[in-house]
Every structure is written in structure tokens, then in C-alpha cells.
Amino acid sequence: MPQPQNNQTDYPGQWETAIADGESGKVVFVTGRRDVDKFRNNKRYSIRITVDIKYKDTPSGLPDNEDALMLMEVTDRLVDVFHKDPVAVLTGIYTGDGQRTLVFYTASTHIFQRKFNEALEDLPVLPISIAAENDPEWEEYAEMLLV
């Protein structure tokens, strides 16, 4: 049965997708945004925020239809809120091995949190974990470009 797939070309910016192996050897789709120089060159966007969303792992590691729709909804809402108010930029989407990871760079964790909660406030509680760390050199982004 075909999986619903979000077409990142619908998102603002220039996106490319590559296939990599996850930690368990299952496939992971790595989708990265290429046109982020204005953010990357702005020293204020030095905080990397990683949003992990777990889903039921299938034999392929990709989400089933129900989870794929949930992941699309969450990702679409976050893309929309940060496109309207660019306090953060989504630079990478990793999907596979039972998890979708969204990678953002922001200038403020407080404003990011407010916008994040605003985007998802009317959804049910989701299996999301969030981490933030300083990454002024955009090391994670540079690593993703090598995939």
C-alpha cells in the first residue's frame, strides 16, 4: 500500500532528499533545505533545536499511513508558523527507523517554544521530544549536506 508522503517542494525554499541508513540499518530519508544562507550567515541563528517524533516502527522503518498523516500535519503546521514568523528556520527532516526528526536553527528558544506550542496547540498529545544546543557553526547542517 502506498505511503502518504509530504512533498517538501511545497515548502518554502529549495529542498533535496537523499537516502541514508539508520542506526538499525533501516532506510532514513534525509531531506535538507539548501537556501538557508541568510539564516546561516546571521550570527543570531546559533541555536539548533531538534524535534524528535516517534511513530510505530514498521518493517521498513517508515511510518504507516496513519502515522505518515500525523507527521505531515505536524511538519506542515511548523513550516507554516515559522514561514509566517521566521524566528526559526527548518533545515532538515529525517524520516525513518521509527522516528521523524526536524532540525531548526533559531535565535531564541523562548520564542521558538511559544510558536511551536501555537502551531500544535489543538493537536492531541504527541510522542515528541525536543533538545536544544548551541551550534553557531551550523555543524549539524554541514554534516547533513554530506549525506
N, C-alpha and C. Protein backbone atom coordinates (compact mmCIF):
# COMPACT_ATOMS: atom_id res chain seq x y z
N MET A 1 0.85 -1.18 0.00
CA MET A 1 0.00 0.00 0.00
C MET A 1 0.90 1.25 0.00
N PRO A 2 0.64 2.23 -0.87
CA PRO A 2 1.50 3.41 -0.92
C PRO A 2 1.40 4.24 0.36
N GLN A 3 2.50 4.82 0.74
CA GLN A 3 2.56 5.67 1.92
C GLN A 3 2.24 7.11 1.54
N PRO A 4 1.42 7.81 2.35
CA PRO A 4 1.27 9.24 2.10
C PRO A 4 2.64 9.89 2.30
N GLN A 5 2.99 10.75 1.41
CA GLN A 5 4.28 11.41 1.53
C GLN A 5 4.09 12.90 1.33
N ASN A 6 4.72 13.65 2.19
CA ASN A 6 4.67 15.09 2.04
C ASN A 6 5.69 15.47 0.99
N ASN A 7 5.32 16.36 0.12
CA ASN A 7 6.21 16.81 -0.92
C ASN A 7 6.88 18.09 -0.43
N GLN A 8 8.13 17.99 0.01
CA GLN A 8 8.81 19.14 0.58
C GLN A 8 8.94 20.28 -0.43
N THR A 9 8.72 20.00 -1.71
CA THR A 9 8.77 21.11 -2.66
C THR A 9 7.61 22.07 -2.44
N ASP A 10 6.59 21.63 -1.69
CA ASP A 10 5.51 22.54 -1.32
C ASP A 10 5.95 23.52 -0.24
N TYR A 11 7.03 23.22 0.44
CA TYR A 11 7.53 24.08 1.49
C TYR A 11 8.35 25.21 0.86
N PRO A 12 8.37 26.36 1.52
CA PRO A 12 9.22 27.45 1.01
C PRO A 12 10.67 26.99 0.98
N GLY A 13 11.39 27.41 -0.02
CA GLY A 13 12.81 27.09 -0.10
C GLY A 13 13.13 25.99 -1.08
N GLN A 14 14.41 25.66 -1.13
CA GLN A 14 14.92 24.63 -2.03
C GLN A 14 15.29 23.40 -1.21
N TRP A 15 14.63 22.29 -1.49
CA TRP A 15 14.80 21.07 -0.72
C TRP A 15 15.34 19.94 -1.59
N GLU A 16 16.19 19.10 -1.00
CA GLU A 16 16.70 17.91 -1.67
C GLU A 16 16.60 16.74 -0.71
N THR A 17 16.38 15.55 -1.26
CA THR A 17 16.26 14.36 -0.43
C THR A 17 17.28 13.32 -0.85
N ALA A 18 17.88 12.69 0.14
CA ALA A 18 18.81 11.58 -0.08
C ALA A 18 18.40 10.45 0.85
N ILE A 19 18.89 9.27 0.57
CA ILE A 19 18.59 8.10 1.39
C ILE A 19 19.85 7.71 2.14
N ALA A 20 19.67 7.43 3.44
CA ALA A 20 20.78 7.00 4.29
C ALA A 20 20.33 5.79 5.10
N ASP A 21 21.26 5.15 5.77
CA ASP A 21 20.94 4.04 6.65
C ASP A 21 20.79 4.57 8.07
N GLY A 22 19.72 4.14 8.74
CA GLY A 22 19.53 4.48 10.14
C GLY A 22 20.41 3.62 11.03
N GLU A 23 20.34 3.88 12.32
CA GLU A 23 21.17 3.14 13.28
C GLU A 23 20.90 1.64 13.24
N SER A 24 19.66 1.26 12.95
CA SER A 24 19.32 -0.17 12.91
C SER A 24 19.51 -0.76 11.51
N GLY A 25 19.96 0.05 10.56
CA GLY A 25 20.15 -0.42 9.20
C GLY A 25 18.95 -0.18 8.30
N LYS A 26 17.86 0.33 8.87
CA LYS A 26 16.69 0.64 8.06
C LYS A 26 16.90 1.96 7.35
N VAL A 27 16.15 2.15 6.29
CA VAL A 27 16.30 3.35 5.47
C VAL A 27 15.80 4.60 6.22
N VAL A 28 16.52 5.71 6.01
CA VAL A 28 16.12 7.02 6.52
C VAL A 28 16.18 8.00 5.36
N PHE A 29 15.08 8.71 5.16
CA PHE A 29 15.06 9.76 4.15
C PHE A 29 15.56 11.04 4.80
N VAL A 30 16.60 11.62 4.23
CA VAL A 30 17.19 12.86 4.73
C VAL A 30 16.83 13.96 3.74
N THR A 31 16.00 14.89 4.19
CA THR A 31 15.57 15.99 3.35
C THR A 31 16.15 17.28 3.93
N GLY A 32 16.94 17.97 3.14
CA GLY A 32 17.60 19.17 3.62
C GLY A 32 17.26 20.39 2.78
N ARG A 33 17.22 21.51 3.45
CA ARG A 33 16.96 22.77 2.78
C ARG A 33 18.29 23.40 2.39
N ARG A 34 18.38 23.83 1.14
CA ARG A 34 19.63 24.37 0.61
C ARG A 34 19.74 25.89 0.73
N ASP A 35 18.65 26.60 0.66
CA ASP A 35 18.71 28.07 0.57
C ASP A 35 18.58 28.73 1.94
N VAL A 36 19.54 28.46 2.81
CA VAL A 36 19.48 29.00 4.17
C VAL A 36 20.60 29.98 4.49
N ASP A 37 21.31 30.44 3.47
CA ASP A 37 22.47 31.31 3.72
C ASP A 37 22.14 32.55 4.54
N LYS A 38 20.98 33.16 4.29
CA LYS A 38 20.66 34.38 5.04
C LYS A 38 20.51 34.09 6.53
N PHE A 39 20.08 32.88 6.89
CA PHE A 39 19.98 32.49 8.30
C PHE A 39 21.35 32.04 8.81
N ARG A 40 22.03 31.24 8.01
CA ARG A 40 23.32 30.70 8.43
C ARG A 40 24.37 31.80 8.63
N ASN A 41 24.26 32.85 7.85
CA ASN A 41 25.21 33.96 7.98
C ASN A 41 24.81 34.96 9.05
N ASN A 42 23.65 34.79 9.64
CA ASN A 42 23.18 35.66 10.72
C ASN A 42 23.58 35.01 12.04
N LYS A 43 24.51 35.59 12.73
CA LYS A 43 25.06 35.01 13.97
C LYS A 43 24.00 34.79 15.04
N ARG A 44 22.86 35.45 14.92
CA ARG A 44 21.78 35.27 15.91
C ARG A 44 21.19 33.87 15.82
N TYR A 45 21.18 33.26 14.66
CA TYR A 45 20.61 31.91 14.47
C TYR A 45 21.66 30.86 14.83
N SER A 46 22.00 30.81 16.09
CA SER A 46 23.10 29.94 16.52
C SER A 46 22.64 28.78 17.40
N ILE A 47 21.34 28.68 17.63
CA ILE A 47 20.80 27.62 18.48
C ILE A 47 20.12 26.58 17.60
N ARG A 48 20.56 25.34 17.72
CA ARG A 48 19.94 24.25 16.98
C ARG A 48 18.90 23.58 17.88
N ILE A 49 17.71 23.42 17.35
CA ILE A 49 16.65 22.72 18.07
C ILE A 49 16.28 21.48 17.26
N THR A 50 16.29 20.36 17.95
CA THR A 50 15.95 19.09 17.33
C THR A 50 14.64 18.60 17.93
N VAL A 51 13.68 18.34 17.05
CA VAL A 51 12.36 17.84 17.46
C VAL A 51 12.25 16.40 16.96
N ASP A 52 12.15 15.47 17.87
CA ASP A 52 12.01 14.05 17.51
C ASP A 52 10.56 13.63 17.74
N ILE A 53 9.99 12.99 16.74
CA ILE A 53 8.62 12.49 16.82
C ILE A 53 8.67 11.00 16.54
N LYS A 54 8.36 10.21 17.55
CA LYS A 54 8.36 8.76 17.40
C LYS A 54 7.07 8.31 16.72
N TYR A 55 7.17 7.21 15.99
CA TYR A 55 5.99 6.58 15.42
C TYR A 55 6.19 5.06 15.46
N LYS A 56 5.09 4.33 15.24
CA LYS A 56 5.16 2.87 15.25
C LYS A 56 6.11 2.44 14.13
N ASP A 57 7.12 1.73 14.51
CA ASP A 57 8.11 1.27 13.53
C ASP A 57 7.52 0.13 12.71
N THR A 58 7.59 0.25 11.41
CA THR A 58 7.16 -0.81 10.50
C THR A 58 8.41 -1.59 10.08
N PRO A 59 8.25 -2.73 9.42
CA PRO A 59 9.44 -3.48 8.99
C PRO A 59 10.40 -2.64 8.13
N SER A 60 9.88 -1.71 7.36
CA SER A 60 10.75 -0.87 6.54
C SER A 60 11.36 0.29 7.33
N GLY A 61 10.80 0.55 8.51
CA GLY A 61 11.25 1.70 9.30
C GLY A 61 10.49 2.97 8.99
N LEU A 62 9.67 2.93 7.94
CA LEU A 62 8.89 4.10 7.55
C LEU A 62 7.54 4.06 8.25
N PRO A 63 6.87 5.20 8.37
CA PRO A 63 5.59 5.22 9.08
C PRO A 63 4.48 4.55 8.28
N ASP A 64 3.50 4.01 9.01
CA ASP A 64 2.32 3.50 8.32
C ASP A 64 1.46 4.71 7.91
N ASN A 65 0.37 4.47 7.22
CA ASN A 65 -0.45 5.58 6.69
C ASN A 65 -0.92 6.54 7.77
N GLU A 66 -1.39 5.99 8.89
CA GLU A 66 -1.90 6.84 9.97
C GLU A 66 -0.80 7.74 10.53
N ASP A 67 0.35 7.16 10.81
CA ASP A 67 1.46 7.96 11.35
C ASP A 67 2.01 8.93 10.31
N ALA A 68 2.04 8.51 9.05
CA ALA A 68 2.52 9.41 7.99
C ALA A 68 1.65 10.66 7.92
N LEU A 69 0.34 10.48 8.05
CA LEU A 69 -0.56 11.64 8.03
C LEU A 69 -0.33 12.55 9.23
N MET A 70 -0.11 11.95 10.42
CA MET A 70 0.18 12.73 11.61
C MET A 70 1.48 13.51 11.44
N LEU A 71 2.51 12.86 10.91
CA LEU A 71 3.80 13.52 10.71
C LEU A 71 3.69 14.67 9.72
N MET A 72 2.91 14.46 8.66
CA MET A 72 2.70 15.53 7.67
C MET A 72 1.99 16.72 8.32
N GLU A 73 0.99 16.44 9.13
CA GLU A 73 0.24 17.51 9.79
C GLU A 73 1.15 18.33 10.69
N VAL A 74 1.93 17.67 11.52
CA VAL A 74 2.84 18.36 12.43
C VAL A 74 3.86 19.18 11.65
N THR A 75 4.49 18.57 10.67
CA THR A 75 5.52 19.25 9.89
C THR A 75 4.93 20.43 9.13
N ASP A 76 3.78 20.24 8.50
CA ASP A 76 3.14 21.33 7.77
C ASP A 76 2.83 22.52 8.68
N ARG A 77 2.31 22.23 9.86
CA ARG A 77 1.97 23.30 10.79
C ARG A 77 3.21 24.08 11.24
N LEU A 78 4.28 23.36 11.52
CA LEU A 78 5.51 24.03 11.95
C LEU A 78 6.13 24.83 10.81
N VAL A 79 6.13 24.27 9.62
CA VAL A 79 6.65 25.02 8.47
C VAL A 79 5.85 26.31 8.28
N ASP A 80 4.54 26.20 8.39
CA ASP A 80 3.67 27.35 8.19
C ASP A 80 3.92 28.44 9.23
N VAL A 81 3.97 28.07 10.50
CA VAL A 81 4.13 29.07 11.55
C VAL A 81 5.49 29.77 11.46
N PHE A 82 6.54 29.02 11.12
CA PHE A 82 7.86 29.64 11.05
C PHE A 82 8.10 30.34 9.71
N HIS A 83 7.30 30.03 8.71
CA HIS A 83 7.37 30.80 7.46
C HIS A 83 6.73 32.18 7.67
N LYS A 84 5.62 32.20 8.40
CA LYS A 84 4.93 33.47 8.68
C LYS A 84 5.72 34.36 9.62
N ASP A 85 6.42 33.76 10.56
CA ASP A 85 7.21 34.49 11.54
C ASP A 85 8.57 33.80 11.65
N PRO A 86 9.53 34.20 10.82
CA PRO A 86 10.79 33.44 10.70
C PRO A 86 11.75 33.61 11.88
N VAL A 87 11.27 33.25 13.07
CA VAL A 87 12.14 33.26 14.23
C VAL A 87 12.98 31.98 14.28
N ALA A 88 12.65 31.04 13.40
CA ALA A 88 13.41 29.80 13.27
C ALA A 88 13.31 29.35 11.83
N VAL A 89 14.30 28.59 11.40
CA VAL A 89 14.28 28.04 10.04
C VAL A 89 14.45 26.52 10.14
N LEU A 90 13.57 25.81 9.45
CA LEU A 90 13.68 24.35 9.36
C LEU A 90 14.74 24.04 8.31
N THR A 91 15.76 23.29 8.72
CA THR A 91 16.86 22.99 7.80
C THR A 91 16.93 21.52 7.40
N GLY A 92 16.33 20.65 8.20
CA GLY A 92 16.41 19.23 7.88
C GLY A 92 15.24 18.44 8.41
N ILE A 93 14.87 17.41 7.63
CA ILE A 93 13.81 16.48 8.02
C ILE A 93 14.36 15.08 7.77
N TYR A 94 14.46 14.30 8.85
CA TYR A 94 14.94 12.93 8.76
C TYR A 94 13.76 12.02 9.09
N THR A 95 13.40 11.12 8.19
CA THR A 95 12.27 10.23 8.44
C THR A 95 12.68 8.79 8.17
N GLY A 96 12.55 7.96 9.18
CA GLY A 96 12.84 6.55 9.06
C GLY A 96 13.29 5.97 10.38
N ASP A 97 13.36 4.67 10.42
CA ASP A 97 13.83 3.98 11.62
C ASP A 97 12.94 4.28 12.83
N GLY A 98 11.62 4.51 12.57
CA GLY A 98 10.67 4.73 13.65
C GLY A 98 10.61 6.14 14.21
N GLN A 99 11.18 7.09 13.49
CA GLN A 99 11.23 8.45 14.02
C GLN A 99 11.34 9.48 12.91
N ARG A 100 10.69 10.62 13.10
CA ARG A 100 10.94 11.79 12.26
C ARG A 100 11.65 12.81 13.13
N THR A 101 12.74 13.36 12.61
CA THR A 101 13.48 14.40 13.30
C THR A 101 13.43 15.65 12.45
N LEU A 102 13.02 16.74 13.08
CA LEU A 102 13.01 18.06 12.43
C LEU A 102 14.12 18.87 13.07
N VAL A 103 14.95 19.49 12.25
CA VAL A 103 16.07 20.27 12.75
C VAL A 103 15.84 21.74 12.39
N PHE A 104 15.83 22.57 13.42
CA PHE A 104 15.64 24.01 13.25
C PHE A 104 16.86 24.74 13.78
N TYR A 105 17.08 25.94 13.25
CA TYR A 105 18.02 26.89 13.84
C TYR A 105 17.23 28.13 14.20
N THR A 106 17.51 28.67 15.38
CA THR A 106 16.74 29.80 15.89
C THR A 106 17.65 30.76 16.65
N ALA A 107 17.12 31.93 16.89
CA ALA A 107 17.82 32.93 17.69
C ALA A 107 17.33 32.90 19.14
N SER A 108 16.16 32.32 19.39
CA SER A 108 15.57 32.36 20.72
C SER A 108 14.79 31.09 21.01
N THR A 109 15.19 30.37 22.05
CA THR A 109 14.44 29.18 22.43
C THR A 109 13.07 29.55 22.99
N HIS A 110 12.96 30.70 23.65
CA HIS A 110 11.68 31.12 24.23
C HIS A 110 10.65 31.42 23.14
N ILE A 111 11.06 32.16 22.13
CA ILE A 111 10.13 32.48 21.04
C ILE A 111 9.82 31.21 20.24
N PHE A 112 10.83 30.37 20.01
CA PHE A 112 10.60 29.11 19.31
C PHE A 112 9.54 28.30 20.05
N GLN A 113 9.69 28.17 21.37
CA GLN A 113 8.75 27.39 22.16
C GLN A 113 7.33 27.95 22.04
N ARG A 114 7.20 29.25 22.10
CA ARG A 114 5.87 29.87 22.00
C ARG A 114 5.24 29.56 20.65
N LYS A 115 6.00 29.73 19.56
CA LYS A 115 5.49 29.47 18.22
C LYS A 115 5.22 27.98 18.00
N PHE A 116 6.08 27.13 18.51
CA PHE A 116 5.91 25.69 18.42
C PHE A 116 4.59 25.27 19.07
N ASN A 117 4.36 25.75 20.30
CA ASN A 117 3.13 25.42 21.02
C ASN A 117 1.91 25.99 20.31
N GLU A 118 2.04 27.18 19.75
CA GLU A 118 0.94 27.80 19.00
C GLU A 118 0.57 26.93 17.79
N ALA A 119 1.56 26.42 17.10
CA ALA A 119 1.31 25.62 15.89
C ALA A 119 0.60 24.30 16.20
N LEU A 120 0.91 23.71 17.35
CA LEU A 120 0.41 22.37 17.64
C LEU A 120 -0.63 22.33 18.76
N GLU A 121 -1.08 23.48 19.23
CA GLU A 121 -1.90 23.53 20.44
C GLU A 121 -3.20 22.73 20.37
N ASP A 122 -3.80 22.59 19.21
CA ASP A 122 -5.08 21.89 19.15
C ASP A 122 -4.94 20.42 18.72
N LEU A 123 -3.72 19.92 18.66
CA LEU A 123 -3.49 18.51 18.35
C LEU A 123 -3.46 17.71 19.66
N PRO A 124 -3.74 16.42 19.59
CA PRO A 124 -3.59 15.60 20.80
C PRO A 124 -2.12 15.52 21.21
N VAL A 125 -1.89 15.09 22.43
CA VAL A 125 -0.52 14.92 22.91
C VAL A 125 0.19 13.93 21.99
N LEU A 126 1.39 14.32 21.57
CA LEU A 126 2.16 13.51 20.62
C LEU A 126 3.46 13.03 21.27
N PRO A 127 4.05 11.94 20.77
CA PRO A 127 5.32 11.43 21.31
C PRO A 127 6.51 12.25 20.81
N ILE A 128 6.62 13.46 21.32
CA ILE A 128 7.64 14.42 20.87
C ILE A 128 8.66 14.66 21.97
N SER A 129 9.92 14.71 21.58
CA SER A 129 10.97 15.17 22.49
C SER A 129 11.74 16.26 21.77
N ILE A 130 12.18 17.24 22.55
CA ILE A 130 12.85 18.41 21.98
C ILE A 130 14.17 18.62 22.72
N ALA A 131 15.20 18.93 21.96
CA ALA A 131 16.51 19.24 22.53
C ALA A 131 17.04 20.50 21.86
N ALA A 132 17.78 21.27 22.61
CA ALA A 132 18.39 22.49 22.07
C ALA A 132 19.85 22.55 22.50
N GLU A 133 20.67 23.04 21.59
CA GLU A 133 22.07 23.26 21.93
C GLU A 133 22.65 24.33 21.04
N ASN A 134 23.69 24.95 21.54
CA ASN A 134 24.36 25.97 20.74
C ASN A 134 25.12 25.30 19.60
N ASP A 135 24.95 25.85 18.42
CA ASP A 135 25.63 25.33 17.23
C ASP A 135 25.90 26.53 16.30
N PRO A 136 26.73 27.47 16.75
CA PRO A 136 26.97 28.69 15.97
C PRO A 136 27.62 28.44 14.62
N GLU A 137 28.29 27.31 14.47
CA GLU A 137 28.95 26.98 13.20
C GLU A 137 28.05 26.14 12.30
N TRP A 138 26.85 25.84 12.75
CA TRP A 138 25.90 25.02 12.00
C TRP A 138 26.53 23.68 11.62
N GLU A 139 27.16 23.03 12.60
CA GLU A 139 27.86 21.77 12.34
C GLU A 139 26.90 20.66 11.90
N GLU A 140 25.73 20.57 12.52
CA GLU A 140 24.78 19.53 12.14
C GLU A 140 24.33 19.74 10.70
N TYR A 141 24.10 20.97 10.33
CA TYR A 141 23.67 21.28 8.96
C TYR A 141 24.77 20.88 7.97
N ALA A 142 26.01 21.21 8.27
CA ALA A 142 27.13 20.86 7.39
C ALA A 142 27.25 19.33 7.25
N GLU A 143 27.02 18.61 8.35
CA GLU A 143 27.05 17.15 8.31
C GLU A 143 25.96 16.59 7.42
N MET A 144 24.76 17.18 7.52
CA MET A 144 23.63 16.72 6.71
C MET A 144 23.93 16.90 5.22
N LEU A 145 24.61 17.97 4.86
CA LEU A 145 24.93 18.22 3.47
C LEU A 145 25.82 17.14 2.87
N LEU A 146 26.52 16.41 3.73
CA LEU A 146 27.42 15.36 3.25
C LEU A 146 26.70 14.05 2.96
N VAL A 147 25.45 13.92 3.40
CA VAL A 147 24.70 12.67 3.17
C VAL A 147 24.43 12.49 1.70
